[in-house]
């Protein structure tokens, strides 16, 4: 049954988050991986401009939309892989 795991516990890979190097668990979805290293805010709300984080963690709400390698992706539905370029509040 362990062959079906998406990530191997204990294996970390280097990614870039808003220009900063981080090591995140390979294969884990980006939202919980970022939470595991203390990153909670993924974007700013369009109206109030306040920080927003992951909400449903199952791809239904769009609260965790970020940019990954230049593409808009849901952080709760995208697995961490080595070398990713993650931009939380959009490209600057």
PDB file of N, CA and C in Angstrom:
ATOM      1  N   UNK A   1       0.813  -1.198   0.000  1.00  0.00           N
ATOM      2  CA  UNK A   1       0.000   0.000   0.000  1.00  0.00           C
ATOM      3  C   UNK A   1       0.857   1.264   0.000  1.00  0.00           C
ATOM      4  N   UNK A   2       2.080   1.207   0.482  1.00  0.00           N
ATOM      5  CA  UNK A   2       2.911   2.408   0.515  1.00  0.00           C
ATOM      6  C   UNK A   2       3.320   2.876  -0.872  1.00  0.00           C
ATOM      7  N   UNK A   3       3.215   2.024  -1.893  1.00  0.00           N
ATOM      8  CA  UNK A   3       3.549   2.436  -3.250  1.00  0.00           C
ATOM      9  C   UNK A   3       2.595   3.505  -3.763  1.00  0.00           C
ATOM     10  N   UNK A   4       1.410   3.627  -3.169  1.00  0.00           N
ATOM     11  CA  UNK A   4       0.437   4.602  -3.637  1.00  0.00           C
ATOM     12  C   UNK A   4       0.627   5.978  -3.005  1.00  0.00           C
ATOM     13  N   UNK A   5       1.575   6.113  -2.070  1.00  0.00           N
ATOM     14  CA  UNK A   5       1.807   7.417  -1.473  1.00  0.00           C
ATOM     15  C   UNK A   5       2.349   8.398  -2.508  1.00  0.00           C
ATOM     16  N   UNK A   6       1.881   9.631  -2.456  1.00  0.00           N
ATOM     17  CA  UNK A   6       2.365  10.644  -3.378  1.00  0.00           C
ATOM     18  C   UNK A   6       3.690  11.229  -2.947  1.00  0.00           C
ATOM     19  N   UNK A   7       3.968  11.204  -1.659  1.00  0.00           N
ATOM     20  CA  UNK A   7       5.232  11.742  -1.184  1.00  0.00           C
ATOM     21  C   UNK A   7       5.875  10.764  -0.229  1.00  0.00           C
ATOM     22  N   UNK A   8       7.181  10.848  -0.143  1.00  0.00           N
ATOM     23  CA  UNK A   8       7.932  10.002   0.766  1.00  0.00           C
ATOM     24  C   UNK A   8       8.245  10.821   2.005  1.00  0.00           C
ATOM     25  N   UNK A   9       7.666  10.467   3.149  1.00  0.00           N
ATOM     26  CA  UNK A   9       7.946  11.243   4.351  1.00  0.00           C
ATOM     27  C   UNK A   9       9.452  11.342   4.598  1.00  0.00           C
ATOM     28  N   UNK A  10       9.901  12.561   4.875  1.00  0.00           N
ATOM     29  CA  UNK A  10      11.307  12.761   5.155  1.00  0.00           C
ATOM     30  C   UNK A  10      12.133  13.228   3.968  1.00  0.00           C
ATOM     31  N   UNK A  11      11.609  13.142   2.744  1.00  0.00           N
ATOM     32  CA  UNK A  11      12.358  13.602   1.572  1.00  0.00           C
ATOM     33  C   UNK A  11      11.943  15.038   1.260  1.00  0.00           C
ATOM     34  N   UNK A  12      12.902  15.945   1.316  1.00  0.00           N
ATOM     35  CA  UNK A  12      12.641  17.349   1.053  1.00  0.00           C
ATOM     36  C   UNK A  12      13.375  17.775  -0.216  1.00  0.00           C
ATOM     37  N   UNK A  13      12.781  18.722  -0.947  1.00  0.00           N
ATOM     38  CA  UNK A  13      13.389  19.240  -2.171  1.00  0.00           C
ATOM     39  C   UNK A  13      13.420  20.763  -2.107  1.00  0.00           C
ATOM     40  N   UNK A  14      14.342  21.349  -2.844  1.00  0.00           N
ATOM     41  CA  UNK A  14      14.484  22.797  -2.874  1.00  0.00           C
ATOM     42  C   UNK A  14      13.488  23.410  -3.851  1.00  0.00           C
ATOM     43  N   UNK A  15      12.782  24.453  -3.388  1.00  0.00           N
ATOM     44  CA  UNK A  15      11.873  25.244  -4.216  1.00  0.00           C
ATOM     45  C   UNK A  15      12.148  26.714  -3.920  1.00  0.00           C
ATOM     46  N   UNK A  16      11.597  27.588  -4.745  1.00  0.00           N
ATOM     47  CA  UNK A  16      11.706  29.023  -4.506  1.00  0.00           C
ATOM     48  C   UNK A  16      10.310  29.562  -4.244  1.00  0.00           C
ATOM     49  N   UNK A  17      10.134  30.259  -3.132  1.00  0.00           N
ATOM     50  CA  UNK A  17       8.849  30.856  -2.772  1.00  0.00           C
ATOM     51  C   UNK A  17       9.060  32.357  -2.652  1.00  0.00           C
ATOM     52  N   UNK A  18       8.442  33.100  -3.551  1.00  0.00           N
ATOM     53  CA  UNK A  18       8.606  34.558  -3.595  1.00  0.00           C
ATOM     54  C   UNK A  18      10.077  34.959  -3.562  1.00  0.00           C
ATOM     55  N   UNK A  19      10.897  34.223  -4.287  1.00  0.00           N
ATOM     56  CA  UNK A  19      12.312  34.533  -4.392  1.00  0.00           C
ATOM     57  C   UNK A  19      13.188  33.980  -3.289  1.00  0.00           C
ATOM     58  N   UNK A  20      12.587  33.327  -2.300  1.00  0.00           N
ATOM     59  CA  UNK A  20      13.339  32.754  -1.179  1.00  0.00           C
ATOM     60  C   UNK A  20      13.428  31.247  -1.316  1.00  0.00           C
ATOM     61  N   UNK A  21      14.608  30.701  -1.074  1.00  0.00           N
ATOM     62  CA  UNK A  21      14.800  29.249  -1.144  1.00  0.00           C
ATOM     63  C   UNK A  21      14.183  28.585   0.083  1.00  0.00           C
ATOM     64  N   UNK A  22      13.421  27.529  -0.154  1.00  0.00           N
ATOM     65  CA  UNK A  22      12.829  26.728   0.923  1.00  0.00           C
ATOM     66  C   UNK A  22      12.990  25.254   0.567  1.00  0.00           C
ATOM     67  N   UNK A  23      13.024  24.413   1.574  1.00  0.00           N
ATOM     68  CA  UNK A  23      12.979  22.967   1.374  1.00  0.00           C
ATOM     69  C   UNK A  23      11.621  22.493   1.847  1.00  0.00           C
ATOM     70  N   UNK A  24      10.877  21.849   0.942  1.00  0.00           N
ATOM     71  CA  UNK A  24       9.534  21.360   1.254  1.00  0.00           C
ATOM     72  C   UNK A  24       9.455  19.865   0.993  1.00  0.00           C
ATOM     73  N   UNK A  25       8.514  19.182   1.642  1.00  0.00           N
ATOM     74  CA  UNK A  25       8.359  17.739   1.425  1.00  0.00           C
ATOM     75  C   UNK A  25       7.925  17.426  -0.011  1.00  0.00           C
ATOM     76  N   UNK A  26       8.729  16.666  -0.706  1.00  0.00           N
ATOM     77  CA  UNK A  26       8.436  16.312  -2.096  1.00  0.00           C
ATOM     78  C   UNK A  26       7.135  15.529  -2.194  1.00  0.00           C
ATOM     79  N   UNK A  27       6.285  15.913  -3.149  1.00  0.00           N
ATOM     80  CA  UNK A  27       5.037  15.199  -3.396  1.00  0.00           C
ATOM     81  C   UNK A  27       3.869  15.651  -2.544  1.00  0.00           C
ATOM     82  N   UNK A  28       4.124  16.341  -1.451  1.00  0.00           N
ATOM     83  CA  UNK A  28       3.041  16.865  -0.626  1.00  0.00           C
ATOM     84  C   UNK A  28       2.401  18.025  -1.375  1.00  0.00           C
ATOM     85  N   UNK A  29       1.115  18.241  -1.201  1.00  0.00           N
ATOM     86  CA  UNK A  29       0.468  19.376  -1.830  1.00  0.00           C
ATOM     87  C   UNK A  29       1.086  20.665  -1.286  1.00  0.00           C
ATOM     88  N   UNK A  30       1.184  21.683  -2.125  1.00  0.00           N
ATOM     89  CA  UNK A  30       1.879  22.912  -1.756  1.00  0.00           C
ATOM     90  C   UNK A  30       1.280  23.559  -0.514  1.00  0.00           C
ATOM     91  N   UNK A  31      -0.040  23.663  -0.415  1.00  0.00           N
ATOM     92  CA  UNK A  31      -0.661  24.359   0.727  1.00  0.00           C
ATOM     93  C   UNK A  31      -0.234  23.761   2.068  1.00  0.00           C
ATOM     94  N   UNK A  32      -0.422  22.460   2.301  1.00  0.00           N
ATOM     95  CA  UNK A  32       0.019  21.921   3.592  1.00  0.00           C
ATOM     96  C   UNK A  32       1.539  21.918   3.761  1.00  0.00           C
ATOM     97  N   UNK A  33       2.273  21.805   2.645  1.00  0.00           N
ATOM     98  CA  UNK A  33       3.735  21.858   2.744  1.00  0.00           C
ATOM     99  C   UNK A  33       4.178  23.232   3.240  1.00  0.00           C
ATOM    100  N   UNK A  34       3.573  24.292   2.705  1.00  0.00           N
ATOM    101  CA  UNK A  34       3.901  25.636   3.169  1.00  0.00           C
ATOM    102  C   UNK A  34       3.472  25.837   4.622  1.00  0.00           C
ATOM    103  N   UNK A  35       2.316  25.311   4.974  1.00  0.00           N
ATOM    104  CA  UNK A  35       1.870  25.401   6.374  1.00  0.00           C
ATOM    105  C   UNK A  35       2.868  24.732   7.309  1.00  0.00           C
ATOM    106  N   UNK A  36       3.457  23.633   6.861  1.00  0.00           N
ATOM    107  CA  UNK A  36       4.392  22.887   7.715  1.00  0.00           C
ATOM    108  C   UNK A  36       5.663  23.671   8.029  1.00  0.00           C
ATOM    109  N   UNK A  37       5.962  24.698   7.212  1.00  0.00           N
ATOM    110  CA  UNK A  37       7.136  25.537   7.478  1.00  0.00           C
ATOM    111  C   UNK A  37       6.733  26.939   7.936  1.00  0.00           C
ATOM    112  N   UNK A  38       5.458  27.107   8.300  1.00  0.00           N
ATOM    113  CA  UNK A  38       4.996  28.358   8.890  1.00  0.00           C
ATOM    114  C   UNK A  38       4.425  29.394   7.945  1.00  0.00           C
ATOM    115  N   UNK A  39       4.282  29.074   6.657  1.00  0.00           N
ATOM    116  CA  UNK A  39       3.694  30.023   5.703  1.00  0.00           C
ATOM    117  C   UNK A  39       2.186  29.799   5.694  1.00  0.00           C
ATOM    118  N   UNK A  40       1.438  30.796   6.122  1.00  0.00           N
ATOM    119  CA  UNK A  40      -0.023  30.685   6.196  1.00  0.00           C
ATOM    120  C   UNK A  40      -0.735  31.505   5.117  1.00  0.00           C
ATOM    121  N   UNK A  41      -0.237  32.716   4.828  1.00  0.00           N
ATOM    122  CA  UNK A  41      -0.878  33.598   3.852  1.00  0.00           C
ATOM    123  C   UNK A  41      -0.428  33.224   2.443  1.00  0.00           C
ATOM    124  N   UNK A  42      -1.404  32.940   1.573  1.00  0.00           N
ATOM    125  CA  UNK A  42      -1.097  32.535   0.202  1.00  0.00           C
ATOM    126  C   UNK A  42      -1.402  33.633  -0.816  1.00  0.00           C
ATOM    127  N   UNK A  43      -2.321  34.504  -0.470  1.00  0.00           N
ATOM    128  CA  UNK A  43      -2.696  35.593  -1.379  1.00  0.00           C
ATOM    129  C   UNK A  43      -3.380  36.673  -0.557  1.00  0.00           C
ATOM    130  N   UNK A  44      -3.706  37.784  -1.225  1.00  0.00           N
ATOM    131  CA  UNK A  44      -4.464  38.850  -0.579  1.00  0.00           C
ATOM    132  C   UNK A  44      -5.874  38.857  -1.160  1.00  0.00           C
ATOM    133  N   UNK A  45      -6.867  39.147  -0.320  1.00  0.00           N
ATOM    134  CA  UNK A  45      -8.243  39.190  -0.814  1.00  0.00           C
ATOM    135  C   UNK A  45      -8.394  40.361  -1.779  1.00  0.00           C
ATOM    136  N   UNK A  46      -9.185  40.187  -2.845  1.00  0.00           N
ATOM    137  CA  UNK A  46      -9.298  41.237  -3.853  1.00  0.00           C
ATOM    138  C   UNK A  46      -9.970  42.511  -3.340  1.00  0.00           C
ATOM    139  N   UNK A  47     -10.892  42.402  -2.418  1.00  0.00           N
ATOM    140  CA  UNK A  47     -11.609  43.592  -1.946  1.00  0.00           C
ATOM    141  C   UNK A  47     -10.893  44.294  -0.807  1.00  0.00           C
ATOM    142  N   UNK A  48     -10.612  43.573   0.250  1.00  0.00           N
ATOM    143  CA  UNK A  48     -10.039  44.190   1.446  1.00  0.00           C
ATOM    144  C   UNK A  48      -8.513  44.219   1.435  1.00  0.00           C
ATOM    145  N   UNK A  49      -7.887  43.390   0.592  1.00  0.00           N
ATOM    146  CA  UNK A  49      -6.434  43.349   0.534  1.00  0.00           C
ATOM    147  C   UNK A  49      -5.785  42.694   1.744  1.00  0.00           C
ATOM    148  N   UNK A  50      -6.562  41.921   2.488  1.00  0.00           N
ATOM    149  CA  UNK A  50      -6.017  41.246   3.665  1.00  0.00           C
ATOM    150  C   UNK A  50      -5.519  39.854   3.291  1.00  0.00           C
ATOM    151  N   UNK A  51      -4.533  39.323   4.031  1.00  0.00           N
ATOM    152  CA  UNK A  51      -3.987  37.997   3.713  1.00  0.00           C
ATOM    153  C   UNK A  51      -5.051  36.897   3.805  1.00  0.00           C
ATOM    154  N   UNK A  52      -4.978  35.978   2.859  1.00  0.00           N
ATOM    155  CA  UNK A  52      -5.881  34.821   2.832  1.00  0.00           C
ATOM    156  C   UNK A  52      -5.034  33.558   2.788  1.00  0.00           C
ATOM    157  N   UNK A  53      -5.553  32.481   3.358  1.00  0.00           N
ATOM    158  CA  UNK A  53      -4.861  31.204   3.350  1.00  0.00           C
ATOM    159  C   UNK A  53      -5.729  30.126   2.740  1.00  0.00           C
ATOM    160  N   UNK A  54      -5.274  28.897   2.838  1.00  0.00           N
ATOM    161  CA  UNK A  54      -6.042  27.757   2.336  1.00  0.00           C
ATOM    162  C   UNK A  54      -7.294  27.598   3.182  1.00  0.00           C
ATOM    163  N   UNK A  55      -8.383  27.186   2.568  1.00  0.00           N
ATOM    164  CA  UNK A  55      -9.649  27.046   3.282  1.00  0.00           C
ATOM    165  C   UNK A  55     -10.165  25.608   3.250  1.00  0.00           C
ATOM    166  N   UNK A  56     -10.556  25.129   2.087  1.00  0.00           N
ATOM    167  CA  UNK A  56     -11.183  23.803   2.019  1.00  0.00           C
ATOM    168  C   UNK A  56     -10.167  22.674   1.861  1.00  0.00           C
ATOM    169  N   UNK A  57      -9.019  22.963   1.268  1.00  0.00           N
ATOM    170  CA  UNK A  57      -7.960  21.979   1.019  1.00  0.00           C
ATOM    171  C   UNK A  57      -8.409  20.789   0.169  1.00  0.00           C
ATOM    172  N   UNK A  58      -9.446  21.018  -0.675  1.00  0.00           N
ATOM    173  CA  UNK A  58      -9.873  19.945  -1.579  1.00  0.00           C
ATOM    174  C   UNK A  58     -10.213  20.458  -2.974  1.00  0.00           C
ATOM    175  N   UNK A  59      -9.789  21.679  -3.281  1.00  0.00           N
ATOM    176  CA  UNK A  59      -9.934  22.194  -4.630  1.00  0.00           C
ATOM    177  C   UNK A  59     -11.255  22.839  -4.973  1.00  0.00           C
ATOM    178  N   UNK A  60     -12.132  23.054  -4.009  1.00  0.00           N
ATOM    179  CA  UNK A  60     -13.451  23.590  -4.314  1.00  0.00           C
ATOM    180  C   UNK A  60     -13.564  25.108  -4.181  1.00  0.00           C
ATOM    181  N   UNK A  61     -12.772  25.720  -3.314  1.00  0.00           N
ATOM    182  CA  UNK A  61     -13.042  27.124  -2.963  1.00  0.00           C
ATOM    183  C   UNK A  61     -12.180  28.158  -3.682  1.00  0.00           C
ATOM    184  N   UNK A  62     -11.064  27.822  -4.235  1.00  0.00           N
ATOM    185  CA  UNK A  62     -10.157  28.742  -4.935  1.00  0.00           C
ATOM    186  C   UNK A  62      -9.426  29.716  -4.011  1.00  0.00           C
ATOM    187  N   UNK A  63      -9.503  29.561  -2.706  1.00  0.00           N
ATOM    188  CA  UNK A  63      -8.817  30.464  -1.781  1.00  0.00           C
ATOM    189  C   UNK A  63      -7.297  30.332  -1.851  1.00  0.00           C
ATOM    190  N   UNK A  64      -6.797  29.215  -2.323  1.00  0.00           N
ATOM    191  CA  UNK A  64      -5.352  28.983  -2.314  1.00  0.00           C
ATOM    192  C   UNK A  64      -4.706  29.148  -3.684  1.00  0.00           C
ATOM    193  N   UNK A  65      -5.345  29.900  -4.567  1.00  0.00           N
ATOM    194  CA  UNK A  65      -4.803  30.099  -5.910  1.00  0.00           C
ATOM    195  C   UNK A  65      -3.497  30.895  -5.828  1.00  0.00           C
ATOM    196  N   UNK A  66      -2.461  30.351  -6.454  1.00  0.00           N
ATOM    197  CA  UNK A  66      -1.123  30.951  -6.468  1.00  0.00           C
ATOM    198  C   UNK A  66      -0.548  30.802  -7.882  1.00  0.00           C
ATOM    199  N   UNK A  67       0.659  31.290  -8.086  1.00  0.00           N
ATOM    200  CA  UNK A  67       1.362  31.086  -9.358  1.00  0.00           C
ATOM    201  C   UNK A  67       2.494  30.083  -9.136  1.00  0.00           C
ATOM    202  N   UNK A  68       2.519  29.041  -9.958  1.00  0.00           N
ATOM    203  CA  UNK A  68       3.570  28.029  -9.897  1.00  0.00           C
ATOM    204  C   UNK A  68       4.211  27.960 -11.274  1.00  0.00           C
ATOM    205  N   UNK A  69       5.491  28.272 -11.322  1.00  0.00           N
ATOM    206  CA  UNK A  69       6.225  28.290 -12.594  1.00  0.00           C
ATOM    207  C   UNK A  69       5.490  29.117 -13.647  1.00  0.00           C
ATOM    208  N   UNK A  70       4.905  30.242 -13.205  1.00  0.00           N
ATOM    209  CA  UNK A  70       4.235  31.158 -14.122  1.00  0.00           C
ATOM    210  C   UNK A  70       2.793  30.826 -14.444  1.00  0.00           C
ATOM    211  N   UNK A  71       2.272  29.720 -13.918  1.00  0.00           N
ATOM    212  CA  UNK A  71       0.891  29.328 -14.200  1.00  0.00           C
ATOM    213  C   UNK A  71       0.049  29.434 -12.934  1.00  0.00           C
ATOM    214  N   UNK A  72      -1.225  29.818 -13.094  1.00  0.00           N
ATOM    215  CA  UNK A  72      -2.145  29.880 -11.967  1.00  0.00           C
ATOM    216  C   UNK A  72      -2.519  28.456 -11.575  1.00  0.00           C
ATOM    217  N   UNK A  73      -2.303  28.124 -10.303  1.00  0.00           N
ATOM    218  CA  UNK A  73      -2.585  26.772  -9.809  1.00  0.00           C
ATOM    219  C   UNK A  73      -3.206  26.860  -8.426  1.00  0.00           C
ATOM    220  N   UNK A  74      -3.888  25.818  -8.017  1.00  0.00           N
ATOM    221  CA  UNK A  74      -4.406  25.715  -6.656  1.00  0.00           C
ATOM    222  C   UNK A  74      -3.338  25.038  -5.798  1.00  0.00           C
ATOM    223  N   UNK A  75      -2.956  25.687  -4.716  1.00  0.00           N
ATOM    224  CA  UNK A  75      -1.904  25.154  -3.852  1.00  0.00           C
ATOM    225  C   UNK A  75      -2.318  23.857  -3.175  1.00  0.00           C
ATOM    226  N   UNK A  76      -3.614  23.631  -3.003  1.00  0.00           N
ATOM    227  CA  UNK A  76      -4.066  22.400  -2.346  1.00  0.00           C
ATOM    228  C   UNK A  76      -4.141  21.212  -3.300  1.00  0.00           C
ATOM    229  N   UNK A  77      -4.002  21.488  -4.601  1.00  0.00           N
ATOM    230  CA  UNK A  77      -4.122  20.430  -5.605  1.00  0.00           C
ATOM    231  C   UNK A  77      -2.852  20.241  -6.428  1.00  0.00           C
ATOM    232  N   UNK A  78      -1.770  20.914  -6.044  1.00  0.00           N
ATOM    233  CA  UNK A  78      -0.521  20.854  -6.796  1.00  0.00           C
ATOM    234  C   UNK A  78       0.585  20.311  -5.899  1.00  0.00           C
ATOM    235  N   UNK A  79       1.227  19.239  -6.331  1.00  0.00           N
ATOM    236  CA  UNK A  79       2.267  18.595  -5.531  1.00  0.00           C
ATOM    237  C   UNK A  79       3.610  19.315  -5.664  1.00  0.00           C
ATOM    238  N   UNK A  80       4.345  19.342  -4.575  1.00  0.00           N
ATOM    239  CA  UNK A  80       5.688  19.922  -4.545  1.00  0.00           C
ATOM    240  C   UNK A  80       6.632  19.051  -5.368  1.00  0.00           C
ATOM    241  N   UNK A  81       7.442  19.703  -6.200  1.00  0.00           N
ATOM    242  CA  UNK A  81       8.499  19.008  -6.929  1.00  0.00           C
ATOM    243  C   UNK A  81       9.734  19.896  -6.926  1.00  0.00           C
ATOM    244  N   UNK A  82      10.859  19.306  -7.072  1.00  0.00           N
ATOM    245  CA  UNK A  82      12.132  20.024  -7.020  1.00  0.00           C
ATOM    246  C   UNK A  82      12.175  21.130  -8.063  1.00  0.00           C
ATOM    247  N   UNK A  83      12.688  22.283  -7.641  1.00  0.00           N
ATOM    248  CA  UNK A  83      12.908  23.384  -8.559  1.00  0.00           C
ATOM    249  C   UNK A  83      11.716  24.271  -8.847  1.00  0.00           C
ATOM    250  N   UNK A  84      10.571  24.013  -8.218  1.00  0.00           N
ATOM    251  CA  UNK A  84       9.390  24.841  -8.465  1.00  0.00           C
ATOM    252  C   UNK A  84       9.665  26.294  -8.117  1.00  0.00           C
ATOM    253  N   UNK A  85       9.050  27.187  -8.877  1.00  0.00           N
ATOM    254  CA  UNK A  85       9.082  28.618  -8.594  1.00  0.00           C
ATOM    255  C   UNK A  85       7.663  29.020  -8.201  1.00  0.00           C
ATOM    256  N   UNK A  86       7.458  29.267  -6.919  1.00  0.00           N
ATOM    257  CA  UNK A  86       6.139  29.569  -6.375  1.00  0.00           C
ATOM    258  C   UNK A  86       6.055  31.057  -6.049  1.00  0.00           C
ATOM    259  N   UNK A  87       4.993  31.692  -6.540  1.00  0.00           N
ATOM    260  CA  UNK A  87       4.728  33.092  -6.230  1.00  0.00           C
ATOM    261  C   UNK A  87       3.369  33.157  -5.560  1.00  0.00           C
ATOM    262  N   UNK A  88       3.375  33.564  -4.289  1.00  0.00           N
ATOM    263  CA  UNK A  88       2.150  33.486  -3.506  1.00  0.00           C
ATOM    264  C   UNK A  88       1.143  34.574  -3.846  1.00  0.00           C
ATOM    265  N   UNK A  89       1.554  35.787  -3.963  1.00  0.00           N
ATOM    266  CA  UNK A  89       0.601  36.866  -4.200  1.00  0.00           C
ATOM    267  C   UNK A  89       0.635  37.333  -5.642  1.00  0.00           C
ATOM    268  N   UNK A  90       1.061  36.470  -6.526  1.00  0.00           N
ATOM    269  CA  UNK A  90       1.077  36.779  -7.954  1.00  0.00           C
ATOM    270  C   UNK A  90       2.423  37.331  -8.410  1.00  0.00           C
ATOM    271  N   UNK A  91       2.673  37.281  -9.706  1.00  0.00           N
ATOM    272  CA  UNK A  91       3.938  37.779 -10.223  1.00  0.00           C
ATOM    273  C   UNK A  91       4.061  39.279  -9.969  1.00  0.00           C
ATOM    274  N   UNK A  92       5.256  39.721  -9.675  1.00  0.00           N
ATOM    275  CA  UNK A  92       5.484  41.140  -9.415  1.00  0.00           C
ATOM    276  C   UNK A  92       6.196  41.776 -10.590  1.00  0.00           C
TER     277      UNK A  92
END
